[in-house]
PDB file of N, CA and C in Angstrom:
ATOM      1  N   MET A   1      98.219 114.689  89.861  1.00  0.00           N
ATOM      2  CA  MET A   1      97.637 113.874  88.826  1.00  0.00           C
ATOM      3  C   MET A   1      96.455 113.131  89.430  1.00  0.00           C
ATOM      4  N   TRP A   2      95.360 113.072  88.704  1.00  0.00           N
ATOM      5  CA  TRP A   2      94.167 112.410  89.181  1.00  0.00           C
ATOM      6  C   TRP A   2      93.733 111.375  88.160  1.00  0.00           C
ATOM      7  N   PHE A   3      93.332 110.206  88.635  1.00  0.00           N
ATOM      8  CA  PHE A   3      92.805 109.149  87.779  1.00  0.00           C
ATOM      9  C   PHE A   3      91.443 108.744  88.313  1.00  0.00           C
ATOM     10  N   SER A   4      90.526 108.444  87.417  1.00  0.00           N
ATOM     11  CA  SER A   4      89.218 107.970  87.854  1.00  0.00           C
ATOM     12  C   SER A   4      89.383 106.600  88.493  1.00  0.00           C
ATOM     13  N   ARG A   5      88.445 106.244  89.326  1.00  0.00           N
ATOM     14  CA  ARG A   5      88.480 104.942  89.992  1.00  0.00           C
ATOM     15  C   ARG A   5      88.476 103.812  88.958  1.00  0.00           C
ATOM     16  N   LYS A   6      87.638 103.958  87.921  1.00  0.00           N
ATOM     17  CA  LYS A   6      87.537 102.925  86.889  1.00  0.00           C
ATOM     18  C   LYS A   6      88.881 102.747  86.185  1.00  0.00           C
ATOM     19  N   PHE A   7      89.515 103.863  85.795  1.00  0.00           N
ATOM     20  CA  PHE A   7      90.818 103.779  85.127  1.00  0.00           C
ATOM     21  C   PHE A   7      91.851 103.130  86.046  1.00  0.00           C
ATOM     22  N   SER A   8      91.876 103.549  87.300  1.00  0.00           N
ATOM     23  CA  SER A   8      92.849 103.002  88.252  1.00  0.00           C
ATOM     24  C   SER A   8      92.681 101.497  88.402  1.00  0.00           C
ATOM     25  N   GLN A   9      91.430 101.044  88.513  1.00  0.00           N
ATOM     26  CA  GLN A   9      91.180  99.613  88.661  1.00  0.00           C
ATOM     27  C   GLN A   9      91.606  98.842  87.415  1.00  0.00           C
ATOM     28  N   GLN A  10      91.315  99.412  86.235  1.00  0.00           N
ATOM     29  CA  GLN A  10      91.714  98.750  84.995  1.00  0.00           C
ATOM     30  C   GLN A  10      93.241  98.700  84.881  1.00  0.00           C
ATOM     31  N   TYR A  11      93.878  99.784  85.256  1.00  0.00           N
ATOM     32  CA  TYR A  11      95.337  99.856  85.184  1.00  0.00           C
ATOM     33  C   TYR A  11      95.971  98.849  86.143  1.00  0.00           C
ATOM     34  N   ILE A  12      95.458  98.776  87.347  1.00  0.00           N
ATOM     35  CA  ILE A  12      95.980  97.833  88.339  1.00  0.00           C
ATOM     36  C   ILE A  12      95.791  96.404  87.855  1.00  0.00           C
ATOM     37  N   THR A  13      94.625  96.101  87.319  1.00  0.00           N
ATOM     38  CA  THR A  13      94.366  94.771  86.788  1.00  0.00           C
ATOM     39  C   THR A  13      95.356  94.442  85.670  1.00  0.00           C
ATOM     40  N   HIS A  14      95.574  95.398  84.782  1.00  0.00           N
ATOM     41  CA  HIS A  14      96.536  95.201  83.688  1.00  0.00           C
ATOM     42  C   HIS A  14      97.932  94.923  84.245  1.00  0.00           C
ATOM     43  N   LEU A  15      98.359  95.721  85.211  1.00  0.00           N
ATOM     44  CA  LEU A  15      99.698  95.542  85.787  1.00  0.00           C
ATOM     45  C   LEU A  15      99.840  94.181  86.450  1.00  0.00           C
ATOM     46  N   ARG A  16      98.820  93.767  87.152  1.00  0.00           N
ATOM     47  CA  ARG A  16      98.898  92.463  87.830  1.00  0.00           C
ATOM     48  C   ARG A  16      99.009  91.324  86.835  1.00  0.00           C
ATOM     49  N   ARG A  17      98.315  91.452  85.722  1.00  0.00           N
ATOM     50  CA  ARG A  17      98.348  90.392  84.715  1.00  0.00           C
ATOM     51  C   ARG A  17      99.661  90.357  83.943  1.00  0.00           C
ATOM     52  N   HIS A  18     100.293  91.517  83.771  1.00  0.00           N
ATOM     53  CA  HIS A  18     101.460  91.607  82.905  1.00  0.00           C
ATOM     54  C   HIS A  18     102.773  91.886  83.633  1.00  0.00           C
ATOM     55  N   SER A  19     102.748  91.915  84.933  1.00  0.00           N
ATOM     56  CA  SER A  19     103.990  92.214  85.651  1.00  0.00           C
ATOM     57  C   SER A  19     104.772  90.931  85.902  1.00  0.00           C
ATOM     58  N   ARG A  20     106.074  91.108  86.033  1.00  0.00           N
ATOM     59  CA  ARG A  20     106.945  89.974  86.316  1.00  0.00           C
ATOM     60  C   ARG A  20     106.960  89.734  87.826  1.00  0.00           C
ATOM     61  N   PRO A  21     107.300  88.530  88.258  1.00  0.00           N
ATOM     62  CA  PRO A  21     107.387  88.274  89.699  1.00  0.00           C
ATOM     63  C   PRO A  21     108.419  89.194  90.343  1.00  0.00           C
ATOM     64  N   LEU A  22     108.097  89.661  91.540  1.00  0.00           N
ATOM     65  CA  LEU A  22     108.994  90.563  92.253  1.00  0.00           C
ATOM     66  C   LEU A  22     109.842  89.809  93.260  1.00  0.00           C
ATOM     67  N   ASN A  23     111.030  90.293  93.484  1.00  0.00           N
ATOM     68  CA  ASN A  23     111.922  89.725  94.473  1.00  0.00           C
ATOM     69  C   ASN A  23     111.400  90.107  95.860  1.00  0.00           C
ATOM     70  N   LYS A  24     111.020  89.145  96.663  1.00  0.00           N
ATOM     71  CA  LYS A  24     110.408  89.425  97.961  1.00  0.00           C
ATOM     72  C   LYS A  24     111.397  89.965  98.989  1.00  0.00           C
ATOM     73  N   THR A  25     112.677  90.023  98.676  1.00  0.00           N
ATOM     74  CA  THR A  25     113.645  90.575  99.619  1.00  0.00           C
ATOM     75  C   THR A  25     113.826  92.080  99.431  1.00  0.00           C
ATOM     76  N   VAL A  26     113.196  92.651  98.430  1.00  0.00           N
ATOM     77  CA  VAL A  26     113.374  94.063  98.117  1.00  0.00           C
ATOM     78  C   VAL A  26     112.984  95.005  99.256  1.00  0.00           C
ATOM     79  N   PRO A  27     111.911  94.752 100.035  1.00  0.00           N
ATOM     80  CA  PRO A  27     111.562  95.724 101.085  1.00  0.00           C
ATOM     81  C   PRO A  27     112.713  96.009 102.044  1.00  0.00           C
ATOM     82  N   ALA A  28     113.597  95.064 102.207  1.00  0.00           N
ATOM     83  CA  ALA A  28     114.715  95.261 103.116  1.00  0.00           C
ATOM     84  C   ALA A  28     115.639  96.377 102.636  1.00  0.00           C
ATOM     85  N   ILE A  29     115.622  96.691 101.335  1.00  0.00           N
ATOM     86  CA  ILE A  29     116.505  97.736 100.834  1.00  0.00           C
ATOM     87  C   ILE A  29     115.904  99.131 100.978  1.00  0.00           C
ATOM     88  N   LEU A  30     114.630  99.221 101.310  1.00  0.00           N
ATOM     89  CA  LEU A  30     114.035 100.532 101.540  1.00  0.00           C
ATOM     90  C   LEU A  30     114.405 101.004 102.935  1.00  0.00           C
ATOM     91  N   THR A  31     114.824 102.244 103.016  1.00  0.00           N
ATOM     92  CA  THR A  31     115.152 102.805 104.320  1.00  0.00           C
ATOM     93  C   THR A  31     113.873 103.022 105.126  1.00  0.00           C
ATOM     94  N   LYS A  32     114.031 103.255 106.397  1.00  0.00           N
ATOM     95  CA  LYS A  32     112.876 103.532 107.253  1.00  0.00           C
ATOM     96  C   LYS A  32     112.107 104.739 106.718  1.00  0.00           C
ATOM     97  N   ARG A  33     112.823 105.767 106.295  1.00  0.00           N
ATOM     98  CA  ARG A  33     112.175 106.978 105.772  1.00  0.00           C
ATOM     99  C   ARG A  33     111.413 106.672 104.485  1.00  0.00           C
ATOM    100  N   GLU A  34     111.998 105.856 103.618  1.00  0.00           N
ATOM    101  CA  GLU A  34     111.320 105.482 102.371  1.00  0.00           C
ATOM    102  C   GLU A  34     110.060 104.678 102.666  1.00  0.00           C
ATOM    103  N   GLN A  35     110.119 103.828 103.678  1.00  0.00           N
ATOM    104  CA  GLN A  35     108.925 103.084 104.070  1.00  0.00           C
ATOM    105  C   GLN A  35     107.854 104.029 104.612  1.00  0.00           C
ATOM    106  N   GLN A  36     108.280 105.064 105.344  1.00  0.00           N
ATOM    107  CA  GLN A  36     107.323 106.062 105.829  1.00  0.00           C
ATOM    108  C   GLN A  36     106.663 106.787 104.657  1.00  0.00           C
ATOM    109  N   ILE A  37     107.452 107.130 103.654  1.00  0.00           N
ATOM    110  CA  ILE A  37     106.926 107.827 102.478  1.00  0.00           C
ATOM    111  C   ILE A  37     105.871 106.955 101.797  1.00  0.00           C
ATOM    112  N   ILE A  38     106.154 105.667 101.626  1.00  0.00           N
ATOM    113  CA  ILE A  38     105.195 104.756 100.992  1.00  0.00           C
ATOM    114  C   ILE A  38     103.925 104.666 101.835  1.00  0.00           C
ATOM    115  N   THR A  39     104.082 104.665 103.140  1.00  0.00           N
ATOM    116  CA  THR A  39     102.909 104.625 104.009  1.00  0.00           C
ATOM    117  C   THR A  39     102.033 105.854 103.790  1.00  0.00           C
ATOM    118  N   PHE A  40     102.650 107.027 103.704  1.00  0.00           N
ATOM    119  CA  PHE A  40     101.875 108.240 103.433  1.00  0.00           C
ATOM    120  C   PHE A  40     101.247 108.186 102.048  1.00  0.00           C
ATOM    121  N   LEU A  41     101.953 107.635 101.071  1.00  0.00           N
ATOM    122  CA  LEU A  41     101.365 107.478  99.735  1.00  0.00           C
ATOM    123  C   LEU A  41     100.102 106.633  99.802  1.00  0.00           C
ATOM    124  N   SER A  42     100.157 105.579 100.609  1.00  0.00           N
ATOM    125  CA  SER A  42      99.004 104.679 100.720  1.00  0.00           C
ATOM    126  C   SER A  42      97.785 105.371 101.314  1.00  0.00           C
ATOM    127  N   MET A  43      98.012 106.476 102.010  1.00  0.00           N
ATOM    128  CA  MET A  43      96.914 107.247 102.585  1.00  0.00           C
ATOM    129  C   MET A  43      96.459 108.360 101.637  1.00  0.00           C
ATOM    130  N   GLY A  44      97.070 108.403 100.452  1.00  0.00           N
ATOM    131  CA  GLY A  44      96.673 109.394  99.461  1.00  0.00           C
ATOM    132  C   GLY A  44      97.279 110.769  99.665  1.00  0.00           C
ATOM    133  N   ALA A  45      98.333 110.857 100.445  1.00  0.00           N
ATOM    134  CA  ALA A  45      98.949 112.153 100.742  1.00  0.00           C
ATOM    135  C   ALA A  45      99.718 112.691  99.537  1.00  0.00           C
ATOM    136  N   SER A  46      99.685 114.005  99.380  1.00  0.00           N
ATOM    137  CA  SER A  46     100.465 114.675  98.338  1.00  0.00           C
ATOM    138  C   SER A  46     101.899 114.833  98.825  1.00  0.00           C
ATOM    139  N   ASN A  47     102.778 115.222  97.926  1.00  0.00           N
ATOM    140  CA  ASN A  47     104.171 115.463  98.320  1.00  0.00           C
ATOM    141  C   ASN A  47     104.239 116.523  99.411  1.00  0.00           C
ATOM    142  N   GLN A  48     103.457 117.578  99.258  1.00  0.00           N
ATOM    143  CA  GLN A  48     103.460 118.660 100.250  1.00  0.00           C
ATOM    144  C   GLN A  48     102.969 118.160 101.607  1.00  0.00           C
ATOM    145  N   GLN A  49     101.923 117.362 101.613  1.00  0.00           N
ATOM    146  CA  GLN A  49     101.400 116.824 102.869  1.00  0.00           C
ATOM    147  C   GLN A  49     102.410 115.906 103.545  1.00  0.00           C
ATOM    148  N   ILE A  50     103.085 115.082 102.751  1.00  0.00           N
ATOM    149  CA  ILE A  50     104.120 114.199 103.297  1.00  0.00           C
ATOM    150  C   ILE A  50     105.230 115.043 103.910  1.00  0.00           C
ATOM    151  N   ALA A  51     105.656 116.076 103.180  1.00  0.00           N
ATOM    152  CA  ALA A  51     106.730 116.953 103.663  1.00  0.00           C
ATOM    153  C   ALA A  51     106.354 117.579 105.002  1.00  0.00           C
ATOM    154  N   GLU A  52     105.132 118.045 105.114  1.00  0.00           N
ATOM    155  CA  GLU A  52     104.688 118.673 106.357  1.00  0.00           C
ATOM    156  C   GLU A  52     104.680 117.673 107.513  1.00  0.00           C
ATOM    157  N   GLN A  53     104.240 116.461 107.249  1.00  0.00           N
ATOM    158  CA  GLN A  53     104.176 115.446 108.299  1.00  0.00           C
ATOM    159  C   GLN A  53     105.566 115.008 108.768  1.00  0.00           C
ATOM    160  N   LEU A  54     106.513 114.990 107.846  1.00  0.00           N
ATOM    161  CA  LEU A  54     107.858 114.508 108.173  1.00  0.00           C
ATOM    162  C   LEU A  54     108.837 115.640 108.474  1.00  0.00           C
ATOM    163  N   PHE A  55     108.357 116.877 108.413  1.00  0.00           N
ATOM    164  CA  PHE A  55     109.193 118.054 108.691  1.00  0.00           C
ATOM    165  C   PHE A  55     110.406 118.132 107.771  1.00  0.00           C
ATOM    166  N   VAL A  56     110.155 117.915 106.479  1.00  0.00           N
ATOM    167  CA  VAL A  56     111.190 118.042 105.458  1.00  0.00           C
ATOM    168  C   VAL A  56     110.627 118.886 104.321  1.00  0.00           C
ATOM    169  N   SER A  57     111.468 119.230 103.369  1.00  0.00           N
ATOM    170  CA  SER A  57     110.989 120.008 102.228  1.00  0.00           C
ATOM    171  C   SER A  57     110.293 119.092 101.220  1.00  0.00           C
ATOM    172  N   GLU A  58     109.498 119.711 100.371  1.00  0.00           N
ATOM    173  CA  GLU A  58     108.829 118.953  99.315  1.00  0.00           C
ATOM    174  C   GLU A  58     109.863 118.350  98.359  1.00  0.00           C
ATOM    175  N   ASN A  59     110.956 119.060  98.129  1.00  0.00           N
ATOM    176  CA  ASN A  59     112.028 118.518  97.273  1.00  0.00           C
ATOM    177  C   ASN A  59     112.654 117.268  97.877  1.00  0.00           C
ATOM    178  N   THR A  60     112.762 117.230  99.195  1.00  0.00           N
ATOM    179  CA  THR A  60     113.292 116.034  99.858  1.00  0.00           C
ATOM    180  C   THR A  60     112.359 114.853  99.623  1.00  0.00           C
ATOM    181  N   VAL A  61     111.059 115.089  99.713  1.00  0.00           N
ATOM    182  CA  VAL A  61     110.082 114.030  99.452  1.00  0.00           C
ATOM    183  C   VAL A  61     110.224 113.544  98.012  1.00  0.00           C
ATOM    184  N   LYS A  62     110.359 114.475  97.070  1.00  0.00           N
ATOM    185  CA  LYS A  62     110.520 114.094  95.665  1.00  0.00           C
ATOM    186  C   LYS A  62     111.776 113.259  95.462  1.00  0.00           C
ATOM    187  N   THR A  63     112.847 113.611  96.154  1.00  0.00           N
ATOM    188  CA  THR A  63     114.088 112.833  96.063  1.00  0.00           C
ATOM    189  C   THR A  63     113.885 111.428  96.608  1.00  0.00           C
ATOM    190  N   HIS A  64     113.202 111.324  97.751  1.00  0.00           N
ATOM    191  CA  HIS A  64     112.915 109.998  98.313  1.00  0.00           C
ATOM    192  C   HIS A  64     112.067 109.185  97.340  1.00  0.00           C
ATOM    193  N   LEU A  65     111.056 109.797  96.748  1.00  0.00           N
ATOM    194  CA  LEU A  65     110.209 109.077  95.793  1.00  0.00           C
ATOM    195  C   LEU A  65     111.029 108.594  94.597  1.00  0.00           C
ATOM    196  N   HIS A  66     111.882 109.439  94.094  1.00  0.00           N
ATOM    197  CA  HIS A  66     112.751 109.052  92.972  1.00  0.00           C
ATOM    198  C   HIS A  66     113.594 107.831  93.358  1.00  0.00           C
ATOM    199  N   ASN A  67     114.174 107.862  94.543  1.00  0.00           N
ATOM    200  CA  ASN A  67     114.999 106.742  95.008  1.00  0.00           C
ATOM    201  C   ASN A  67     114.179 105.474  95.184  1.00  0.00           C
ATOM    202  N   ILE A  68     112.975 105.630  95.735  1.00  0.00           N
ATOM    203  CA  ILE A  68     112.081 104.476  95.910  1.00  0.00           C
ATOM    204  C   ILE A  68     111.762 103.862  94.548  1.00  0.00           C
ATOM    205  N   PHE A  69     111.351 104.699  93.600  1.00  0.00           N
ATOM    206  CA  PHE A  69     110.977 104.211  92.276  1.00  0.00           C
ATOM    207  C   PHE A  69     112.129 103.445  91.632  1.00  0.00           C
ATOM    208  N   LYS A  70     113.352 103.951  91.762  1.00  0.00           N
ATOM    209  CA  LYS A  70     114.513 103.258  91.200  1.00  0.00           C
ATOM    210  C   LYS A  70     114.746 101.928  91.900  1.00  0.00           C
ATOM    211  N   LYS A  71     114.662 101.915  93.223  1.00  0.00           N
ATOM    212  CA  LYS A  71     114.949 100.695  93.986  1.00  0.00           C
ATOM    213  C   LYS A  71     113.956  99.582  93.681  1.00  0.00           C
ATOM    214  N   ILE A  72     112.686  99.933  93.534  1.00  0.00           N
ATOM    215  CA  ILE A  72     111.667  98.902  93.334  1.00  0.00           C
ATOM    216  C   ILE A  72     111.264  98.768  91.866  1.00  0.00           C
ATOM    217  N   ASP A  73     111.954  99.510  91.007  1.00  0.00           N
ATOM    218  CA  ASP A  73     111.785  99.407  89.558  1.00  0.00           C
ATOM    219  C   ASP A  73     110.347  99.694  89.117  1.00  0.00           C
ATOM    220  N   VAL A  74     109.844 100.865  89.526  1.00  0.00           N
ATOM    221  CA  VAL A  74     108.527 101.325  89.079  1.00  0.00           C
ATOM    222  C   VAL A  74     108.672 102.724  88.500  1.00  0.00           C
ATOM    223  N   LYS A  75     107.611 103.183  87.832  1.00  0.00           N
ATOM    224  CA  LYS A  75     107.686 104.477  87.159  1.00  0.00           C
ATOM    225  C   LYS A  75     106.773 105.541  87.758  1.00  0.00           C
ATOM    226  N   ASN A  76     105.843 105.140  88.625  1.00  0.00           N
ATOM    227  CA  ASN A  76     104.908 106.132  89.161  1.00  0.00           C
ATOM    228  C   ASN A  76     104.340 105.688  90.501  1.00  0.00           C
ATOM    229  N   ARG A  77     103.535 106.571  91.091  1.00  0.00           N
ATOM    230  CA  ARG A  77     102.967 106.332  92.412  1.00  0.00           C
ATOM    231  C   ARG A  77     102.038 105.124  92.432  1.00  0.00           C
ATOM    232  N   VAL A  78     101.249 104.960  91.385  1.00  0.00           N
ATOM    233  CA  VAL A  78     100.316 103.831  91.332  1.00  0.00           C
ATOM    234  C   VAL A  78     101.083 102.520  91.368  1.00  0.00           C
ATOM    235  N   GLN A  79     102.126 102.418  90.553  1.00  0.00           N
ATOM    236  CA  GLN A  79     102.930 101.197  90.545  1.00  0.00           C
ATOM    237  C   GLN A  79     103.617 100.987  91.893  1.00  0.00           C
ATOM    238  N   ALA A  80     104.069 102.068  92.513  1.00  0.00           N
ATOM    239  CA  ALA A  80     104.714 101.953  93.826  1.00  0.00           C
ATOM    240  C   ALA A  80     103.725 101.425  94.860  1.00  0.00           C
ATOM    241  N   LEU A  81     102.486 101.880  94.795  1.00  0.00           N
ATOM    242  CA  LEU A  81     101.475 101.411  95.743  1.00  0.00           C
ATOM    243  C   LEU A  81     101.123  99.949  95.510  1.00  0.00           C
ATOM    244  N   ILE A  82     101.064  99.550  94.260  1.00  0.00           N
ATOM    245  CA  ILE A  82     100.817  98.134  93.962  1.00  0.00           C
ATOM    246  C   ILE A  82     101.961  97.291  94.520  1.00  0.00           C
ATOM    247  N   TRP A  83     103.192  97.748  94.274  1.00  0.00           N
ATOM    248  CA  TRP A  83     104.356  97.033  94.809  1.00  0.00           C
ATOM    249  C   TRP A  83     104.288  96.941  96.328  1.00  0.00           C
ATOM    250  N   ALA A  84     103.952  98.056  96.969  1.00  0.00           N
ATOM    251  CA  ALA A  84     103.906  98.089  98.427  1.00  0.00           C
ATOM    252  C   ALA A  84     102.842  97.136  98.964  1.00  0.00           C
ATOM    253  N   LYS A  85     101.686  97.116  98.330  1.00  0.00           N
ATOM    254  CA  LYS A  85     100.615  96.221  98.785  1.00  0.00           C
ATOM    255  C   LYS A  85     101.058  94.764  98.698  1.00  0.00           C
ATOM    256  N   GLU A  86     101.822  94.439  97.677  1.00  0.00           N
ATOM    257  CA  GLU A  86     102.262  93.063  97.482  1.00  0.00           C
ATOM    258  C   GLU A  86     103.492  92.699  98.306  1.00  0.00           C
ATOM    259  N   ASN A  87     104.270  93.690  98.750  1.00  0.00           N
ATOM    260  CA  ASN A  87     105.569  93.401  99.363  1.00  0.00           C
ATOM    261  C   ASN A  87     105.761  93.916 100.786  1.00  0.00           C
ATOM    262  N   MET A  88     104.883  94.745 101.254  1.00  0.00           N
ATOM    263  CA  MET A  88     105.026  95.298 102.606  1.00  0.00           C
ATOM    264  C   MET A  88     103.835  94.824 103.434  1.00  0.00           C
ATOM    265  N   SER A  89     104.043  93.792 104.202  1.00  0.00           N
ATOM    266  CA  SER A  89     102.951  93.143 104.918  1.00  0.00           C
ATOM    267  C   SER A  89     102.279  94.043 105.950  1.00  0.00           C
ATOM    268  N   ASP A  90     102.998  95.028 106.489  1.00  0.00           N
ATOM    269  CA  ASP A  90     102.419  95.883 107.525  1.00  0.00           C
ATOM    270  C   ASP A  90     101.712  97.110 106.946  1.00  0.00           C
ATOM    271  N   LEU A  91     101.499  97.118 105.639  1.00  0.00           N
ATOM    272  CA  LEU A  91     100.881  98.258 104.980  1.00  0.00           C
ATOM    273  C   LEU A  91      99.507  97.853 104.485  1.00  0.00           C
ATOM    274  N   SER A  92      98.478  98.599 104.862  1.00  0.00           N
ATOM    275  CA  SER A  92      97.145  98.310 104.345  1.00  0.00           C
ATOM    276  C   SER A  92      96.736  99.439 103.412  1.00  0.00           C
ATOM    277  N   ILE A  93      96.485  99.065 102.174  1.00  0.00           N
ATOM    278  CA  ILE A  93      96.134 100.022 101.132  1.00  0.00           C
ATOM    279  C   ILE A  93      94.792  99.606 100.552  1.00  0.00           C
ATOM    280  N   ALA A  94      93.914 100.547 100.434  1.00  0.00           N
ATOM    281  CA  ALA A  94      92.629 100.279  99.791  1.00  0.00           C
ATOM    282  C   ALA A  94      92.776 100.565  98.306  1.00  0.00           C
ATOM    283  N   VAL A  95      93.207  99.548  97.548  1.00  0.00           N
ATOM    284  CA  VAL A  95      93.413  99.730  96.103  1.00  0.00           C
ATOM    285  C   VAL A  95      92.194  99.273  95.365  1.00  0.00           C
TER     286      VAL A  95
END
Protein backbone atom coordinates (compact mmCIF):
# COMPACT_ATOMS: atom_id res chain seq x y z
CA MET A 1 0.00 0.00 0.00
CA TRP A 2 1.34 3.42 -0.90
CA PHE A 3 0.23 6.82 0.38
CA SER A 4 1.36 10.20 -0.88
CA ARG A 5 3.41 12.29 1.51
CA LYS A 6 0.64 14.92 1.67
CA PHE A 7 -2.01 12.31 2.56
CA SER A 8 0.26 10.71 5.17
CA GLN A 9 0.95 14.06 6.82
CA GLN A 10 -2.75 14.96 6.86
CA TYR A 11 -3.64 11.55 8.26
CA ILE A 12 -0.99 11.78 10.98
CA THR A 13 -2.15 15.26 11.92
CA HIS A 14 -5.74 14.01 12.12
CA LEU A 15 -4.74 11.06 14.31
CA ARG A 16 -2.75 13.25 16.67
CA ARG A 17 -5.66 15.62 17.11
CA HIS A 18 -8.28 12.91 17.61
CA SER A 19 -6.44 10.12 19.38
CA ARG A 20 -6.90 9.29 23.03
CA PRO A 21 -3.95 9.40 25.44
CA LEU A 22 -1.89 6.22 25.33
CA ASN A 23 -0.77 4.19 28.30
CA LYS A 24 2.99 4.80 28.50
CA THR A 25 3.61 1.35 30.01
CA VAL A 26 2.51 -0.43 26.83
CA PRO A 27 6.00 -0.78 25.24
CA ALA A 28 6.89 -3.19 28.01
CA ILE A 29 4.33 -5.66 26.64
CA LEU A 30 5.96 -5.81 23.22
CA THR A 31 8.39 -8.67 22.89
CA LYS A 32 11.93 -8.06 21.71
CA ARG A 33 10.98 -9.50 18.31
CA GLU A 34 7.93 -7.22 18.05
CA GLN A 35 10.14 -4.25 18.85
CA GLN A 36 12.51 -5.37 16.08
CA ILE A 37 9.58 -5.56 13.66
CA ILE A 38 8.52 -2.00 14.55
CA THR A 39 12.09 -0.84 14.03
CA PHE A 40 12.11 -2.33 10.53
CA LEU A 41 8.72 -0.72 9.86
CA SER A 42 10.22 2.63 10.80
CA MET A 43 12.81 2.11 8.07
CA GLY A 44 10.07 1.51 5.51
CA ALA A 45 10.75 -2.21 5.13
CA SER A 46 8.16 -4.48 3.53
CA ASN A 47 7.02 -7.70 5.17
CA GLN A 48 9.28 -9.65 2.82
CA GLN A 49 12.29 -7.47 3.62
CA ILE A 50 11.66 -7.83 7.36
CA ALA A 51 11.37 -11.61 6.95
CA GLU A 52 14.67 -11.78 5.10
CA GLN A 53 16.46 -9.68 7.72
CA LEU A 54 15.12 -11.74 10.63
CA PHE A 55 15.42 -15.13 8.89
CA VAL A 56 11.72 -15.94 9.28
CA SER A 57 8.86 -16.43 6.85
CA GLU A 58 6.72 -13.59 5.60
CA ASN A 59 3.75 -15.23 7.34
CA THR A 60 5.63 -15.05 10.64
CA VAL A 61 6.13 -11.32 10.11
CA LYS A 62 2.41 -10.92 9.36
CA THR A 63 1.57 -12.79 12.57
CA HIS A 64 3.89 -10.53 14.58
CA LEU A 65 2.30 -7.45 12.99
CA HIS A 66 -1.18 -8.73 13.83
CA ASN A 67 -0.11 -9.27 17.45
CA ILE A 68 1.51 -5.84 17.63
CA PHE A 69 -1.59 -4.14 16.24
CA LYS A 70 -3.79 -5.88 18.82
CA LYS A 71 -1.46 -5.09 21.73
CA ILE A 72 -1.16 -1.39 20.93
CA ASP A 73 -4.74 -1.05 19.66
CA VAL A 74 -4.03 0.18 16.12
CA LYS A 75 -5.38 -0.88 12.74
CA ASN A 76 -2.49 -0.33 10.32
CA ARG A 77 1.21 0.31 9.83
CA VAL A 78 0.86 4.10 9.84
CA GLN A 79 -0.88 4.06 13.21
CA ALA A 80 1.71 1.61 14.55
CA LEU A 81 4.51 3.95 13.49
CA ILE A 82 2.82 6.92 15.11
CA TRP A 83 2.43 4.88 18.30
CA ALA A 84 6.06 3.80 18.15
CA LYS A 85 7.32 7.36 17.66
CA GLU A 86 5.36 8.47 20.71
CA ASN A 87 6.11 5.46 22.93
CA MET A 88 9.48 3.98 22.00
CA SER A 89 12.18 6.44 22.96
CA ASP A 90 15.00 4.52 21.23
CA LEU A 91 13.23 4.60 17.86
CA SER A 92 13.82 7.43 15.40
CA ILE A 93 11.21 7.69 12.68
CA ALA A 94 11.07 10.35 10.03
CA VAL A 95 7.29 10.87 9.98
